[in-house]
Amino acid sequence: MAGKTKITGVKPQFGNARSFSMRATRRKFNPNIQNKRIYVPEINDFVQVRITVSELKTIDKIGLQAFLDRRGVTLKSLIGN
């Protein structure tokens, strides 16, 4: 799944695939981006976001508001999808 996440801006990276003979061909490393609905108790509603699974694990651990504060993103920017 290509694209860019809204919170952290994660996007695909590019590199080389190396064969046994060390011949290089270009390839793309796609991030594991998922569409998720996250409940926000501050607004008593769900917010739909595209995030990576590693971001989702962090949100499960510390909460959405703390994660947004850590990244410098406001909740209002997520709601305006």
C-alpha atoms as a PDB file:
ATOM      1  CA  MET A   1       0.000   0.000   0.000  1.00  0.00           C
ATOM      2  CA  ALA A   2       1.686   3.190  -1.109  1.00  0.00           C
ATOM      3  CA  GLY A   3       1.018   6.668   0.174  1.00  0.00           C
ATOM      4  CA  LYS A   4       1.870   8.733   3.204  1.00  0.00           C
ATOM      5  CA  THR A   5       0.536   8.708   6.750  1.00  0.00           C
ATOM      6  CA  LYS A   6      -1.065  11.875   8.055  1.00  0.00           C
ATOM      7  CA  ILE A   7       0.445  11.903  11.545  1.00  0.00           C
ATOM      8  CA  THR A   8       4.099  10.999  11.005  1.00  0.00           C
ATOM      9  CA  GLY A   9       4.493  11.317   7.220  1.00  0.00           C
ATOM     10  CA  VAL A  10       5.878   7.802   6.754  1.00  0.00           C
ATOM     11  CA  LYS A  11       6.222   6.944   3.051  1.00  0.00           C
ATOM     12  CA  PRO A  12       7.838   4.167   0.990  1.00  0.00           C
ATOM     13  CA  GLN A  13      11.620   3.856   0.951  1.00  0.00           C
ATOM     14  CA  PHE A  14      13.674   2.729  -2.026  1.00  0.00           C
ATOM     15  CA  GLY A  15      16.719   0.488  -2.215  1.00  0.00           C
ATOM     16  CA  ASN A  16      18.299  -2.377  -4.074  1.00  0.00           C
ATOM     17  CA  ALA A  17      17.348  -6.034  -4.276  1.00  0.00           C
ATOM     18  CA  ARG A  18      20.558  -8.047  -4.425  1.00  0.00           C
ATOM     19  CA  SER A  19      20.740 -11.401  -6.168  1.00  0.00           C
ATOM     20  CA  PHE A  20      23.290 -14.124  -5.349  1.00  0.00           C
ATOM     21  CA  SER A  21      25.632 -12.637  -7.959  1.00  0.00           C
ATOM     22  CA  MET A  22      25.203  -9.215  -6.232  1.00  0.00           C
ATOM     23  CA  ARG A  23      23.423  -7.720  -9.248  1.00  0.00           C
ATOM     24  CA  ALA A  24      21.357  -4.750  -8.080  1.00  0.00           C
ATOM     25  CA  THR A  25      17.787  -4.085  -9.156  1.00  0.00           C
ATOM     26  CA  ARG A  26      15.705  -1.282  -7.689  1.00  0.00           C
ATOM     27  CA  ARG A  27      12.903  -2.157  -5.304  1.00  0.00           C
ATOM     28  CA  LYS A  28      10.467  -0.396  -2.976  1.00  0.00           C
ATOM     29  CA  PHE A  29       9.983  -0.989   0.761  1.00  0.00           C
ATOM     30  CA  ASN A  30       6.336  -0.205   1.515  1.00  0.00           C
ATOM     31  CA  PRO A  31       5.312   0.661   5.082  1.00  0.00           C
ATOM     32  CA  ASN A  32       2.546  -1.382   6.690  1.00  0.00           C
ATOM     33  CA  ILE A  33      -0.185   1.277   6.389  1.00  0.00           C
ATOM     34  CA  GLN A  34      -3.678   0.428   7.647  1.00  0.00           C
ATOM     35  CA  ASN A  35      -6.981   2.318   7.739  1.00  0.00           C
ATOM     36  CA  LYS A  36      -8.241   2.401  11.327  1.00  0.00           C
ATOM     37  CA  ARG A  37     -11.072   3.982  13.292  1.00  0.00           C
ATOM     38  CA  ILE A  38      -9.788   5.177  16.651  1.00  0.00           C
ATOM     39  CA  TYR A  39     -12.119   6.252  19.456  1.00  0.00           C
ATOM     40  CA  VAL A  40     -11.318   9.689  20.890  1.00  0.00           C
ATOM     41  CA  PRO A  41     -12.913  10.266  24.310  1.00  0.00           C
ATOM     42  CA  GLU A  42     -12.283  14.044  24.150  1.00  0.00           C
ATOM     43  CA  ILE A  43     -14.797  14.431  21.308  1.00  0.00           C
ATOM     44  CA  ASN A  44     -16.825  11.275  22.118  1.00  0.00           C
ATOM     45  CA  ASP A  45     -16.521  10.019  18.533  1.00  0.00           C
ATOM     46  CA  PHE A  46     -14.372   7.909  16.222  1.00  0.00           C
ATOM     47  CA  VAL A  47     -11.664   9.310  13.941  1.00  0.00           C
ATOM     48  CA  GLN A  48     -10.597   7.450  10.798  1.00  0.00           C
ATOM     49  CA  VAL A  49      -6.850   7.641  10.108  1.00  0.00           C
ATOM     50  CA  ARG A  50      -4.249   5.944   7.916  1.00  0.00           C
ATOM     51  CA  ILE A  51      -1.425   4.849  10.197  1.00  0.00           C
ATOM     52  CA  THR A  52       1.337   2.265  10.260  1.00  0.00           C
ATOM     53  CA  VAL A  53       1.073  -0.719  12.562  1.00  0.00           C
ATOM     54  CA  SER A  54       4.033   0.507  14.635  1.00  0.00           C
ATOM     55  CA  GLU A  55       2.197   3.804  15.200  1.00  0.00           C
ATOM     56  CA  LEU A  56      -0.928   1.841  16.169  1.00  0.00           C
ATOM     57  CA  LYS A  57       1.059  -0.108  18.787  1.00  0.00           C
ATOM     58  CA  THR A  58       2.328   3.152  20.266  1.00  0.00           C
ATOM     59  CA  ILE A  59      -1.189   4.616  20.318  1.00  0.00           C
ATOM     60  CA  ASP A  60      -2.443   1.493  22.122  1.00  0.00           C
ATOM     61  CA  LYS A  61       0.334   1.913  24.674  1.00  0.00           C
ATOM     62  CA  ILE A  62       0.259   5.663  25.453  1.00  0.00           C
ATOM     63  CA  GLY A  63      -3.044   6.839  23.967  1.00  0.00           C
ATOM     64  CA  LEU A  64      -3.931   8.928  20.932  1.00  0.00           C
ATOM     65  CA  GLN A  65      -3.711  12.365  22.542  1.00  0.00           C
ATOM     66  CA  ALA A  66      -0.266  11.694  24.037  1.00  0.00           C
ATOM     67  CA  PHE A  67       0.943  10.352  20.675  1.00  0.00           C
ATOM     68  CA  LEU A  68      -0.326  13.446  18.858  1.00  0.00           C
ATOM     69  CA  ASP A  69       1.308  15.723  21.436  1.00  0.00           C
ATOM     70  CA  ARG A  70       4.587  13.853  20.998  1.00  0.00           C
ATOM     71  CA  ARG A  71       4.400  14.338  17.213  1.00  0.00           C
ATOM     72  CA  GLY A  72       3.217  17.952  17.354  1.00  0.00           C
ATOM     73  CA  VAL A  73      -0.061  17.276  15.530  1.00  0.00           C
ATOM     74  CA  THR A  74      -3.440  18.594  16.644  1.00  0.00           C
ATOM     75  CA  LEU A  75      -6.596  16.526  16.878  1.00  0.00           C
ATOM     76  CA  LYS A  76      -8.396  19.082  14.724  1.00  0.00           C
ATOM     77  CA  SER A  77      -6.100  18.288  11.767  1.00  0.00           C
ATOM     78  CA  LEU A  78      -7.152  14.613  11.939  1.00  0.00           C
ATOM     79  CA  ILE A  79     -10.850  15.400  12.101  1.00  0.00           C
ATOM     80  CA  GLY A  80     -10.746  17.502   8.938  1.00  0.00           C
ATOM     81  CA  ASN A  81     -10.429  14.470   6.621  1.00  0.00           C
END
